[in-house]
Amino acid sequence: MRSIRTLGLTAAEVQNRRDRGLVNTMPDDTGRSLARILRANLFTLFNGIVGASFLLLLLLGAWQDALFGFFVVTNTLIGVVQEFRAKRTLARFAVLNASRALVRRDGADVECAVEDVVLDDLLVLRPGGQIVADAELVDGSELEVDESLLTGEANPVSARVGRALLSGSTVVAGGGLARVNRVGTDSYSAKITLEAREFSLVRSELRESIARIIRWISLGLIPVGAIVVNGQMQAAGGWAAALSSGAWRDAAVAAVASIIAMVPQGLVFMTSLALTIGAVRLARRRVLVQELSAVEGLARVDMLCVDKTGTLTEGTLTLDELKPVEHPAPGWQQALAWFATEPGANTTTQAMAAAVGPPIRDYLPDATVPFSSRYKWSAAYFREGESPGTWVLGGADVVLGTTVAGAAEMQRQVTRLASAGRRTVVLAHSPYPLTSTVPTVAPALPKGLEPVAVVVLRERVRADAAETIGYFGSQGVQVCVISGDDPLTVGAVAHEIGLPAGLVAVDARSLPTDPVALAEVLRTERVFGRVTPQQKKAMVLALQSLGYTVAMTGDGKRTSTPSLTR
């Protein structure tokens, strides 16, 4: 029997799914249509009163008295142009950027447009490629994906057979086959894209106050207009005389003048102008303002939610210190230098390069095991050198568990460092060679490992982070750190940038799902780690329910889009 697991769909099966509409068509909704934008900005009470008065004067031939119509046109144009520009910018937003996909059909790998991918297609995954539809991994070796754009997780995620893969994530290592199980608007990236483009009316106290004033004024417009018209008619010799002599036109113009004088045109115009200037200045700083009232909303913010990686920190690691054991194996610095500069070096090992210096030119291993987030270590075997054997660099929980002596003390040291928010990797040495360098399932660590040194790393905090947080505090804006990273690391960064030392980072996996209970937690807690994208959104909504005007910011790569749209 033919297997979809390895051969993919046949041409007939692909056509059948196309006929049923099971294709990967991405959403093209970009919020409010141009007609809705025009309607929202044109049909207002202010425009109704001023516009009706303007038309009446034109009908009476008193166009020289109708110049106030300029306010209606200008005020409407300001709102329409700004919202239309935002609409066009949002139209270019997409989580999914790939234009082509590689799929396996009839046993052959073929390239097709992203829109031509159908349900149950087999995606061929390769490093650097973007996953174009939600899928399940059915075959793969050492597959690692970057989901930072979707989940905020800064580190690559290891994927095994059966794991769900989200559209919009990127393959950073390994390869495999994944069966598409959600396409088009059902996919994760499409939902995020639609949510980012969603338009929600911003509450503006300024505009609400002005609208309230105009509503009150409108109640007096008819009686005031009637009194003015009657007075003008009587001054012209009465209604009959005014109608016969044409003086009623002057009476009508006078009535319009009295009505227009009651409407705060200058206030409305200057409010729109001030908000427009604010939007333009924000645009120069690459900030998209969907609606002018958002400028006022930004000014009223009293709770700022920030991500950690890429926002408070630079997204890179720096070496804090090296802690060798009392009598380390000779040549350990050269081993670290090789790990720091080898072609497959990751951000962790690259952070050591400046401190340990370059390796000796001819210091090359005879066998290696590359790092994988699945087994959390890498290794290099040297037949010659000061300490022949295998050097292993990896997570303390993995490497120390296999060491012969000194593991307990070093583990306690690592635990203390972790509680201070530091990241650690352990260098260990074994006189024995690697038993396998082919990581089919998980390569085995060599026997006889002994700890040599602890490499202590910390995230590089932005130089202006503490100053920025201090500025917000002086302006009465509270800061809430919401990150997908480890709570200990998040807490350490929060303290480093000047948040109160008494704040303890909360593991978001323990947070309640009930909105009311979540709001109670957020009354007092301000630092959170291991927060999922949907939790970020729920936390923003909970803070809003407490009466805060909330702003959410991130680096644009890792921050949850659902939370940003709230």
Protein backbone atom coordinates (compact mmCIF):
# COMPACT_ATOMS: atom_id res chain seq x y z
CA MET A 1 0.00 0.00 0.00
CA ARG A 2 1.15 3.51 -0.87
CA SER A 3 2.27 5.61 2.15
CA ILE A 4 1.63 9.36 2.43
CA ARG A 5 4.27 9.34 5.18
CA THR A 6 7.14 9.18 2.69
CA LEU A 7 5.77 9.59 -0.84
CA GLY A 8 3.37 12.48 -0.38
CA LEU A 9 0.13 13.13 -2.23
CA THR A 10 -0.60 12.10 -5.79
CA ALA A 11 -1.60 14.64 -8.43
CA ALA A 12 -5.21 13.44 -8.17
CA GLU A 13 -5.22 13.88 -4.38
CA VAL A 14 -3.80 17.38 -4.72
CA GLN A 15 -6.48 18.34 -7.26
CA ASN A 16 -9.20 16.88 -5.04
CA ARG A 17 -8.11 19.11 -2.17
CA ARG A 18 -7.93 22.14 -4.43
CA ASP A 19 -11.48 21.50 -5.59
CA ARG A 20 -12.57 21.36 -1.94
CA GLY A 21 -10.83 24.66 -1.15
CA LEU A 22 -8.26 23.07 1.17
CA VAL A 23 -5.44 25.32 -0.05
CA ASN A 24 -3.00 27.56 1.77
CA THR A 25 -4.46 30.90 0.71
CA MET A 26 -3.35 33.64 3.07
CA PRO A 27 -5.77 36.30 4.41
CA ASP A 28 -5.90 39.62 2.57
CA ASP A 29 -8.10 41.45 5.05
CA THR A 30 -6.40 44.70 6.10
CA GLY A 31 -8.88 46.09 8.59
CA ARG A 32 -11.41 48.76 7.72
CA SER A 33 -12.17 49.33 4.04
CA LEU A 34 -11.70 52.75 2.47
CA ALA A 35 -15.49 53.18 2.44
CA ARG A 36 -15.67 52.51 6.19
CA ILE A 37 -12.81 54.92 6.84
CA LEU A 38 -14.57 57.65 4.83
CA ARG A 39 -17.89 56.97 6.54
CA ALA A 40 -16.38 57.06 10.04
CA ASN A 41 -14.58 60.35 9.43
CA LEU A 42 -17.28 62.08 7.37
CA PHE A 43 -20.53 61.28 9.14
CA THR A 44 -19.99 62.91 12.54
CA LEU A 45 -22.21 65.30 14.48
CA PHE A 46 -19.66 68.10 14.03
CA ASN A 47 -19.51 67.57 10.27
CA GLY A 48 -23.30 67.32 10.13
CA ILE A 49 -23.87 70.70 11.79
CA VAL A 50 -21.08 72.57 10.02
CA GLY A 51 -21.67 70.81 6.70
CA ALA A 52 -25.41 71.57 6.70
CA SER A 53 -24.69 75.23 7.48
CA PHE A 54 -22.10 75.31 4.70
CA LEU A 55 -24.51 73.87 2.12
CA LEU A 56 -27.26 76.29 3.17
CA LEU A 57 -24.98 79.28 2.60
CA LEU A 58 -23.97 77.96 -0.81
CA LEU A 59 -27.66 77.61 -1.74
CA LEU A 60 -28.24 81.19 -0.60
CA GLY A 61 -25.35 82.36 -2.76
CA ALA A 62 -23.39 83.63 0.25
CA TRP A 63 -20.28 81.61 -0.54
CA GLN A 64 -18.03 84.34 0.89
CA ASP A 65 -19.56 83.58 4.29
CA ALA A 66 -19.05 79.83 3.87
CA LEU A 67 -15.27 79.67 4.28
CA PHE A 68 -15.72 77.85 7.59
CA GLY A 69 -16.41 74.76 5.44
CA PHE A 70 -12.63 74.54 5.20
CA PHE A 71 -12.64 73.08 8.73
CA VAL A 72 -14.95 70.23 7.69
CA VAL A 73 -12.87 69.34 4.65
CA THR A 74 -9.53 69.61 6.45
CA ASN A 75 -10.65 67.75 9.57
CA THR A 76 -12.08 64.92 7.46
CA LEU A 77 -9.02 64.70 5.22
CA ILE A 78 -6.65 64.52 8.20
CA GLY A 79 -8.44 61.49 9.64
CA VAL A 80 -8.94 59.72 6.30
CA VAL A 81 -5.35 60.16 5.11
CA GLN A 82 -3.84 58.98 8.40
CA GLU A 83 -6.01 55.86 8.65
CA PHE A 84 -5.53 55.01 4.97
CA ARG A 85 -1.75 55.23 5.35
CA ALA A 86 -1.94 52.90 8.35
CA LYS A 87 -4.14 50.52 6.35
CA ARG A 88 -1.57 50.36 3.54
CA THR A 89 1.24 49.71 6.01
CA LEU A 90 -0.70 46.92 7.71
CA ALA A 91 -1.41 45.37 4.32
CA ARG A 92 2.33 44.68 4.06
CA PHE A 93 2.43 42.96 7.46
CA ALA A 94 2.72 39.20 7.29
CA VAL A 95 4.19 36.60 9.63
CA LEU A 96 4.69 34.31 6.65
CA ASN A 97 7.29 35.78 4.29
CA ALA A 98 8.22 32.81 2.15
CA SER A 99 6.94 32.91 -1.43
CA ARG A 100 7.83 29.33 -2.40
CA ALA A 101 7.55 25.98 -0.65
CA LEU A 102 9.22 22.62 -1.19
CA VAL A 103 6.78 19.69 -1.05
CA ARG A 104 6.98 15.99 -1.79
CA ARG A 105 4.39 14.68 -4.24
CA ASP A 106 4.37 11.30 -5.97
CA GLY A 107 7.69 10.57 -4.28
CA ALA A 108 9.46 13.58 -5.83
CA ASP A 109 10.40 16.90 -4.26
CA VAL A 110 8.82 19.80 -6.16
CA GLU A 111 8.78 23.55 -5.56
CA CYS A 112 5.46 25.38 -5.61
CA ALA A 113 3.90 28.67 -4.56
CA VAL A 114 2.91 28.91 -0.89
CA GLU A 115 -0.73 29.31 -2.01
CA ASP A 116 -0.54 25.96 -3.86
CA VAL A 117 0.24 23.95 -0.72
CA VAL A 118 -2.77 21.80 0.20
CA LEU A 119 -3.95 19.93 3.28
CA ASP A 120 -1.94 16.71 3.90
CA ASP A 121 0.95 17.85 1.70
CA LEU A 122 4.39 16.74 2.83
CA LEU A 123 6.64 19.74 3.44
CA VAL A 124 10.34 19.12 2.87
CA LEU A 125 12.15 20.97 5.66
CA ARG A 126 15.67 22.31 5.27
CA PRO A 127 17.82 24.76 7.28
CA GLY A 128 16.90 28.38 6.57
CA GLY A 129 13.47 27.54 5.18
CA GLN A 130 10.24 28.86 6.64
CA ILE A 131 7.42 26.47 7.54
CA VAL A 132 4.57 27.71 5.35
CA ALA A 133 1.63 25.90 7.00
CA ASP A 134 0.87 24.27 10.34
CA ALA A 135 2.20 20.74 10.19
CA GLU A 136 3.20 17.65 12.14
CA LEU A 137 6.72 16.28 11.88
CA VAL A 138 6.53 12.74 10.47
CA ASP A 139 10.19 12.17 9.70
CA GLY A 140 13.24 14.14 10.77
CA SER A 141 16.76 14.16 12.14
CA GLU A 142 18.03 16.75 14.61
CA LEU A 143 15.38 19.26 13.54
CA GLU A 144 15.52 22.61 15.34
CA VAL A 145 13.12 25.47 14.65
CA ASP A 146 13.10 29.14 15.57
CA GLU A 147 9.65 30.09 16.87
CA SER A 148 10.66 33.48 18.30
CA LEU A 149 8.42 35.41 15.90
CA LEU A 150 5.40 33.42 17.09
CA THR A 151 5.98 32.49 20.72
CA GLY A 152 8.71 34.84 21.95
CA GLU A 153 11.01 31.91 22.80
CA ALA A 154 14.51 33.24 22.11
CA ASN A 155 16.24 29.86 21.72
CA PRO A 156 15.71 27.30 18.94
CA VAL A 157 13.30 24.52 19.81
CA SER A 158 14.16 20.88 19.20
CA ALA A 159 11.47 18.92 17.36
CA ARG A 160 10.90 15.18 17.36
CA VAL A 161 8.62 13.07 15.21
CA GLY A 162 5.00 13.80 16.13
CA ARG A 163 5.65 17.37 17.27
CA ALA A 164 3.42 20.16 15.97
CA LEU A 165 5.22 22.77 13.86
CA LEU A 166 3.76 26.27 13.60
CA SER A 167 3.58 28.11 10.31
CA GLY A 168 5.85 31.13 10.33
CA SER A 169 8.63 29.39 12.27
CA THR A 170 12.02 28.84 10.62
CA VAL A 171 14.17 25.73 10.41
CA VAL A 172 17.62 26.50 11.84
CA ALA A 173 19.14 23.02 11.88
CA GLY A 174 18.43 19.52 10.65
CA GLY A 175 15.74 18.52 8.20
CA GLY A 176 12.76 16.29 7.71
CA LEU A 177 9.24 15.85 6.42
CA ALA A 178 6.12 17.38 7.94
CA ARG A 179 2.49 16.67 7.06
CA VAL A 180 0.35 19.78 6.69
CA ASN A 181 -2.65 19.67 9.05
CA ARG A 182 -3.91 23.28 8.84
CA VAL A 183 -3.88 25.62 5.87
CA GLY A 184 -4.96 29.15 4.98
CA THR A 185 -6.89 31.09 7.58
CA ASP A 186 -6.85 28.10 9.96
CA SER A 187 -3.06 28.25 10.31
CA TYR A 188 -1.34 29.89 13.26
CA SER A 189 0.50 32.51 11.21
CA ALA A 190 -2.71 33.52 9.41
CA LYS A 191 -4.52 34.02 12.72
CA ILE A 192 -1.68 36.19 14.02
CA THR A 193 -1.64 38.20 10.79
CA LEU A 194 -5.39 38.81 10.96
CA GLU A 195 -5.18 39.79 14.61
CA ALA A 196 -2.37 42.24 13.92
CA ARG A 197 -4.43 43.84 11.16
CA GLU A 198 -7.57 43.98 13.28
CA PHE A 199 -8.93 47.48 13.83
CA SER A 200 -10.34 48.45 17.19
CA LEU A 201 -11.57 51.95 17.96
CA VAL A 202 -9.30 53.77 20.39
CA ARG A 203 -11.03 55.44 23.32
CA SER A 204 -10.23 59.16 23.32
CA GLU A 205 -11.21 61.27 26.30
CA LEU A 206 -10.48 64.42 24.30
CA ARG A 207 -12.78 63.49 21.46
CA GLU A 208 -15.43 62.15 23.81
CA SER A 209 -15.40 65.46 25.70
CA ILE A 210 -15.63 67.49 22.49
CA ALA A 211 -18.43 65.27 21.17
CA ARG A 212 -20.27 65.70 24.48
CA ILE A 213 -19.96 69.51 24.22
CA ILE A 214 -21.23 69.45 20.64
CA ARG A 215 -24.19 67.28 21.66
CA TRP A 216 -25.11 69.77 24.39
CA ILE A 217 -24.73 72.67 21.96
CA SER A 218 -26.83 70.92 19.32
CA LEU A 219 -29.79 70.92 21.72
CA GLY A 220 -29.81 74.73 21.65
CA LEU A 221 -29.16 75.20 17.95
CA ILE A 222 -32.78 75.01 16.78
CA PRO A 223 -34.24 77.43 19.37
CA VAL A 224 -31.31 79.85 18.95
CA GLY A 225 -31.63 79.71 15.17
CA ALA A 226 -35.37 80.27 15.39
CA ILE A 227 -34.93 83.28 17.71
CA VAL A 228 -32.32 84.85 15.40
CA VAL A 229 -34.43 84.31 12.27
CA ASN A 230 -37.52 85.76 13.95
CA GLY A 231 -35.55 88.77 15.17
CA GLN A 232 -34.16 89.43 11.71
CA MET A 233 -37.61 89.09 10.16
CA GLN A 234 -39.12 91.52 12.63
CA ALA A 235 -36.29 93.99 12.04
CA ALA A 236 -37.05 93.85 8.31
CA GLY A 237 -40.70 94.88 8.92
CA GLY A 238 -42.20 91.52 9.77
CA TRP A 239 -42.38 88.14 8.11
CA ALA A 240 -44.56 89.20 5.19
CA ALA A 241 -42.38 92.19 4.33
CA ALA A 242 -39.17 90.19 4.69
CA LEU A 243 -40.42 87.40 2.44
CA SER A 244 -41.62 89.81 -0.24
CA SER A 245 -38.48 91.98 -0.16
CA GLY A 246 -35.99 89.10 -0.04
CA ALA A 247 -34.69 90.15 3.36
CA TRP A 248 -35.29 86.60 4.54
CA ARG A 249 -31.95 85.65 2.92
CA ASP A 250 -30.09 87.96 5.27
CA ALA A 251 -32.07 86.48 8.16
CA ALA A 252 -31.04 82.97 7.13
CA VAL A 253 -27.38 83.98 6.82
CA ALA A 254 -27.53 85.60 10.27
CA ALA A 255 -29.08 82.44 11.72
CA VAL A 256 -26.30 80.30 10.22
CA ALA A 257 -23.71 82.72 11.59
CA SER A 258 -25.15 82.43 15.09
CA ILE A 259 -25.24 78.63 14.87
CA ILE A 260 -21.65 78.38 13.58
CA ALA A 261 -20.49 80.74 16.33
CA MET A 262 -21.78 78.24 18.89
CA VAL A 263 -19.80 75.31 17.40
CA PRO A 264 -16.16 75.05 18.68
CA GLN A 265 -14.63 74.68 15.21
CA GLY A 266 -11.21 75.86 16.31
CA LEU A 267 -11.13 73.37 19.19
CA VAL A 268 -12.00 70.47 16.90
CA PHE A 269 -9.51 71.53 14.24
CA MET A 270 -6.64 72.21 16.64
CA THR A 271 -7.23 68.88 18.39
CA SER A 272 -6.97 67.03 15.07
CA LEU A 273 -3.94 69.09 14.09
CA ALA A 274 -2.13 68.40 17.37
CA LEU A 275 -2.82 64.66 17.11
CA THR A 276 -1.64 64.68 13.49
CA ILE A 277 1.63 66.35 14.45
CA GLY A 278 2.09 63.68 17.11
CA ALA A 279 1.39 60.92 14.58
CA VAL A 280 3.90 62.41 12.12
CA ARG A 281 6.59 62.60 14.80
CA LEU A 282 5.91 59.01 15.79
CA ALA A 283 6.08 57.95 12.13
CA ARG A 284 9.57 59.45 11.93
CA ARG A 285 10.49 57.04 14.72
CA ARG A 286 9.01 54.14 12.72
CA VAL A 287 5.83 53.93 14.82
CA LEU A 288 2.59 53.09 13.01
CA VAL A 289 -0.45 55.06 14.22
CA GLN A 290 -3.66 53.40 13.00
CA GLU A 291 -5.94 56.09 14.38
CA LEU A 292 -5.14 59.65 15.51
CA SER A 293 -6.69 59.06 18.92
CA ALA A 294 -3.95 56.50 19.61
CA VAL A 295 -1.55 59.43 20.11
CA GLU A 296 -3.65 60.62 23.04
CA GLY A 297 -3.90 57.05 24.33
CA LEU A 298 -0.12 56.80 24.31
CA ALA A 299 0.12 59.98 26.38
CA ARG A 300 -2.24 58.48 28.98
CA VAL A 301 -0.29 55.21 29.42
CA ASP A 302 0.36 54.37 33.07
CA MET A 303 1.39 50.71 32.65
CA LEU A 304 4.12 49.64 30.23
CA CYS A 305 4.53 45.93 29.52
CA VAL A 306 7.93 45.03 28.06
CA ASP A 307 9.56 41.89 26.75
CA LYS A 308 13.07 41.04 27.92
CA THR A 309 15.09 39.63 25.04
CA GLY A 310 15.82 42.29 22.46
CA THR A 311 14.01 44.99 24.46
CA LEU A 312 15.70 45.26 27.85
CA THR A 313 18.64 43.22 26.62
CA GLU A 314 20.51 43.23 23.32
CA GLY A 315 19.55 39.63 22.65
CA THR A 316 23.16 38.49 22.99
CA LEU A 317 25.21 36.89 25.74
CA THR A 318 28.42 38.14 27.30
CA LEU A 319 30.96 36.18 29.32
CA ASP A 320 30.68 37.00 33.02
CA GLU A 321 33.50 34.82 34.35
CA LEU A 322 35.31 31.51 34.03
CA LYS A 323 35.42 29.29 37.13
CA PRO A 324 37.96 26.46 36.70
CA VAL A 325 38.32 23.71 39.29
CA GLU A 326 41.32 23.81 41.61
CA HIS A 327 43.49 21.65 39.35
CA PRO A 328 42.00 21.79 35.84
CA ALA A 329 43.19 19.55 33.03
CA PRO A 330 45.97 21.23 31.04
CA GLY A 331 44.91 22.94 27.83
CA TRP A 332 41.39 23.75 28.96
CA GLN A 333 41.64 27.35 27.67
CA GLN A 334 42.60 26.07 24.23
CA ALA A 335 39.64 23.70 24.28
CA LEU A 336 37.30 26.59 25.11
CA ALA A 337 38.93 28.67 22.36
CA TRP A 338 38.18 25.93 19.84
CA PHE A 339 34.52 25.69 20.94
CA ALA A 340 34.19 29.48 20.71
CA THR A 341 35.51 29.75 17.16
CA GLU A 342 34.54 26.50 15.46
CA PRO A 343 32.26 26.94 12.39
CA GLY A 344 29.15 25.69 14.17
CA ALA A 345 29.58 27.95 17.21
CA ASN A 346 26.28 29.22 18.62
CA THR A 347 25.58 32.42 20.55
CA THR A 348 26.58 30.76 23.83
CA THR A 349 30.02 29.65 22.69
CA GLN A 350 30.63 32.81 20.65
CA ALA A 351 30.27 34.85 23.85
CA MET A 352 33.47 33.19 25.15
CA ALA A 353 35.62 34.17 22.16
CA ALA A 354 36.84 37.56 23.41
CA ALA A 355 37.90 36.18 26.80
CA VAL A 356 39.62 32.94 25.81
CA GLY A 357 41.36 34.24 22.66
CA PRO A 358 41.96 32.42 19.37
CA PRO A 359 42.91 28.73 19.36
CA ILE A 360 46.32 27.50 18.23
CA ARG A 361 46.29 27.30 14.44
CA ASP A 362 46.98 23.56 14.21
CA TYR A 363 44.79 22.67 17.18
CA LEU A 364 42.16 20.68 15.28
CA PRO A 365 39.96 17.85 16.57
CA ASP A 366 39.96 14.37 15.10
CA ALA A 367 36.22 13.92 15.72
CA THR A 368 33.36 16.17 16.82
CA VAL A 369 29.72 16.09 17.87
CA PRO A 370 27.89 19.33 17.00
CA PHE A 371 25.69 21.00 19.58
CA SER A 372 21.98 20.20 19.60
CA SER A 373 19.32 21.66 21.86
CA ARG A 374 17.93 18.14 22.19
CA TYR A 375 20.90 16.63 24.03
CA LYS A 376 22.40 20.00 25.15
CA TRP A 377 26.11 19.40 24.59
CA SER A 378 28.85 19.39 21.98
CA ALA A 379 32.17 17.56 21.99
CA ALA A 380 35.57 17.42 20.33
CA TYR A 381 38.11 14.57 20.45
CA PHE A 382 41.85 15.30 20.19
CA ARG A 383 44.38 12.48 19.82
CA GLU A 384 47.20 14.87 20.67
CA GLY A 385 47.68 17.97 22.79
CA GLU A 386 48.30 18.78 26.43
CA SER A 387 45.35 16.61 27.47
CA PRO A 388 44.50 14.07 24.77
CA GLY A 389 40.95 12.84 24.89
CA THR A 390 37.48 14.31 24.57
CA TRP A 391 36.40 17.78 25.66
CA VAL A 392 32.68 18.22 26.27
CA LEU A 393 30.86 21.55 26.63
CA GLY A 394 27.21 21.50 27.63
CA GLY A 395 24.46 22.04 30.14
CA ALA A 396 25.35 21.33 33.74
CA ASP A 397 22.39 19.01 34.28
CA VAL A 398 23.61 16.79 31.43
CA VAL A 399 27.38 16.93 31.72
CA LEU A 400 27.70 16.86 35.52
CA GLY A 401 25.43 13.86 35.78
CA THR A 402 28.09 11.71 34.15
CA THR A 403 31.24 12.98 35.86
CA VAL A 404 33.38 10.91 38.17
CA ALA A 405 34.38 13.40 40.85
CA GLY A 406 33.64 16.97 41.85
CA ALA A 407 30.20 16.99 40.29
CA ALA A 408 28.25 17.67 43.49
CA GLU A 409 30.17 20.81 44.45
CA MET A 410 30.08 22.18 40.92
CA GLN A 411 26.35 21.46 40.69
CA ARG A 412 25.76 23.50 43.86
CA GLN A 413 27.82 26.31 42.34
CA VAL A 414 25.77 26.18 39.13
CA THR A 415 22.52 26.25 41.11
CA ARG A 416 23.63 29.39 42.98
CA LEU A 417 24.57 31.08 39.72
CA ALA A 418 21.25 30.13 38.13
CA SER A 419 19.35 31.62 41.06
CA ALA A 420 21.16 34.89 40.32
CA GLY A 421 19.93 34.73 36.73
CA ARG A 422 23.21 33.64 35.16
CA ARG A 423 23.47 31.09 32.39
CA THR A 424 26.10 28.41 32.75
CA VAL A 425 27.74 25.72 30.67
CA VAL A 426 30.23 23.20 31.96
CA LEU A 427 33.50 22.14 30.34
CA ALA A 428 34.49 18.56 31.13
CA HIS A 429 37.29 16.27 29.96
CA SER A 430 37.60 12.54 29.40
CA PRO A 431 40.73 10.64 28.40
CA TYR A 432 38.57 8.38 26.25
CA PRO A 433 37.47 8.97 22.65
CA LEU A 434 33.93 9.55 21.47
CA THR A 435 32.02 6.32 20.98
CA SER A 436 29.87 7.78 18.19
CA THR A 437 29.83 10.97 16.13
CA VAL A 438 26.68 10.14 14.19
CA PRO A 439 23.77 11.71 16.14
CA THR A 440 21.00 9.50 14.86
CA VAL A 441 19.09 9.42 18.13
CA ALA A 442 21.39 10.93 20.75
CA PRO A 443 25.18 10.45 20.74
CA ALA A 444 26.65 9.01 23.91
CA LEU A 445 28.91 10.99 26.20
CA PRO A 446 32.33 9.43 26.71
CA LYS A 447 33.00 7.65 29.97
CA GLY A 448 35.32 9.05 32.61
CA LEU A 449 34.23 12.68 32.31
CA GLU A 450 35.57 15.05 34.96
CA PRO A 451 34.51 18.70 35.38
CA VAL A 452 37.10 21.28 34.41
CA ALA A 453 35.42 24.69 34.48
CA VAL A 454 32.11 26.49 34.69
CA VAL A 455 31.53 29.12 32.02
CA VAL A 456 29.28 31.84 33.46
CA LEU A 457 27.31 33.96 31.00
CA ARG A 458 24.81 36.76 31.35
CA GLU A 459 22.58 38.59 28.94
CA ARG A 460 23.94 41.89 27.75
CA VAL A 461 21.55 44.55 29.09
CA ARG A 462 21.05 47.56 26.85
CA ALA A 463 23.14 50.52 27.95
CA ASP A 464 20.12 52.82 28.18
CA ALA A 465 17.68 50.29 29.67
CA ALA A 466 18.03 51.41 33.31
CA GLU A 467 17.82 55.08 32.34
CA THR A 468 14.71 54.44 30.23
CA ILE A 469 12.96 52.48 32.97
CA GLY A 470 13.87 55.21 35.46
CA TYR A 471 12.38 57.84 33.16
CA PHE A 472 9.09 55.97 32.96
CA GLY A 473 9.03 55.69 36.74
CA SER A 474 9.53 59.45 37.09
CA GLN A 475 6.57 59.97 34.75
CA GLY A 476 4.28 57.80 36.87
CA VAL A 477 4.37 54.84 34.47
CA GLN A 478 4.70 51.40 36.06
CA VAL A 479 6.71 48.73 34.22
CA CYS A 480 5.70 45.08 33.95
CA VAL A 481 8.24 42.63 32.48
CA ILE A 482 6.55 39.82 30.54
CA SER A 483 8.95 37.32 28.97
CA GLY A 484 8.95 33.82 27.58
CA ASP A 485 12.37 33.10 29.11
CA ASP A 486 13.34 31.45 32.40
CA PRO A 487 11.93 33.35 35.42
CA LEU A 488 15.32 33.42 37.18
CA THR A 489 16.97 35.09 34.19
CA VAL A 490 14.07 37.51 33.77
CA GLY A 491 14.21 38.43 37.44
CA ALA A 492 17.96 39.06 37.32
CA VAL A 493 17.61 41.38 34.33
CA ALA A 494 14.68 43.17 35.99
CA HIS A 495 16.79 43.89 39.08
CA GLU A 496 19.76 44.96 36.94
CA ILE A 497 17.70 47.63 35.16
CA GLY A 498 16.50 49.10 38.43
CA LEU A 499 13.16 47.49 39.21
CA PRO A 500 12.60 47.08 42.98
CA ALA A 501 14.78 44.38 44.51
CA GLY A 502 11.81 42.89 46.34
CA LEU A 503 10.12 41.84 43.12
CA VAL A 504 10.25 38.09 42.52
CA ALA A 505 9.83 36.73 39.00
CA VAL A 506 6.68 34.62 38.71
CA ASP A 507 6.63 31.46 36.60
CA ALA A 508 3.65 32.07 34.31
CA ARG A 509 2.98 28.34 34.06
CA SER A 510 1.49 28.64 37.56
CA LEU A 511 -0.81 31.57 36.71
CA PRO A 512 -4.60 31.08 36.87
CA THR A 513 -6.57 31.05 33.63
CA ASP A 514 -9.59 32.81 35.14
CA PRO A 515 -9.43 36.53 34.13
CA VAL A 516 -10.53 37.76 37.56
CA ALA A 517 -7.98 35.63 39.41
CA LEU A 518 -5.29 36.66 36.94
CA ALA A 519 -6.11 40.33 37.53
CA GLU A 520 -5.66 39.81 41.28
CA VAL A 521 -2.16 38.42 40.70
CA LEU A 522 -1.31 41.38 38.49
CA ARG A 523 -2.30 43.83 41.21
CA THR A 524 0.99 43.11 42.97
CA GLU A 525 3.32 41.15 40.67
CA ARG A 526 5.37 42.91 37.97
CA VAL A 527 7.91 40.37 36.64
CA PHE A 528 6.92 37.18 34.80
CA GLY A 529 8.82 34.42 32.98
CA ARG A 530 7.74 31.48 30.79
CA VAL A 531 4.79 33.50 29.47
CA THR A 532 3.07 32.16 26.34
CA PRO A 533 1.72 34.51 23.62
CA GLN A 534 -1.88 33.92 24.66
CA GLN A 535 -0.98 34.54 28.30
CA LYS A 536 0.59 37.87 27.30
CA LYS A 537 -2.67 38.88 25.67
CA ALA A 538 -4.68 37.75 28.71
CA MET A 539 -2.36 39.68 31.03
CA VAL A 540 -2.75 42.90 29.04
CA LEU A 541 -6.54 42.51 29.17
CA ALA A 542 -6.37 41.82 32.92
CA LEU A 543 -4.34 44.99 33.52
CA GLN A 544 -6.85 46.96 31.46
CA SER A 545 -9.65 45.54 33.61
CA LEU A 546 -7.84 47.00 36.64
CA GLY A 547 -8.16 50.45 35.11
CA TYR A 548 -4.66 50.80 33.68
CA THR A 549 -3.97 52.33 30.28
CA VAL A 550 -1.60 49.66 29.00
CA ALA A 551 1.14 49.83 26.38
CA MET A 552 3.00 46.74 25.17
CA THR A 553 6.36 46.92 23.46
CA GLY A 554 8.94 44.48 22.18
CA ASP A 555 11.72 44.13 19.64
CA GLY A 556 9.35 43.25 16.78
CA LYS A 557 10.80 39.76 16.45
CA ARG A 558 9.96 37.91 19.63
CA THR A 559 7.12 39.85 21.12
CA SER A 560 3.66 38.30 20.92
CA THR A 561 1.58 39.95 18.22
CA PRO A 562 -1.76 39.15 19.96
CA SER A 563 -0.65 41.11 23.02
CA LEU A 564 0.53 44.04 20.91
CA THR A 565 -2.90 44.37 19.27
CA ARG A 566 -4.70 44.85 22.59
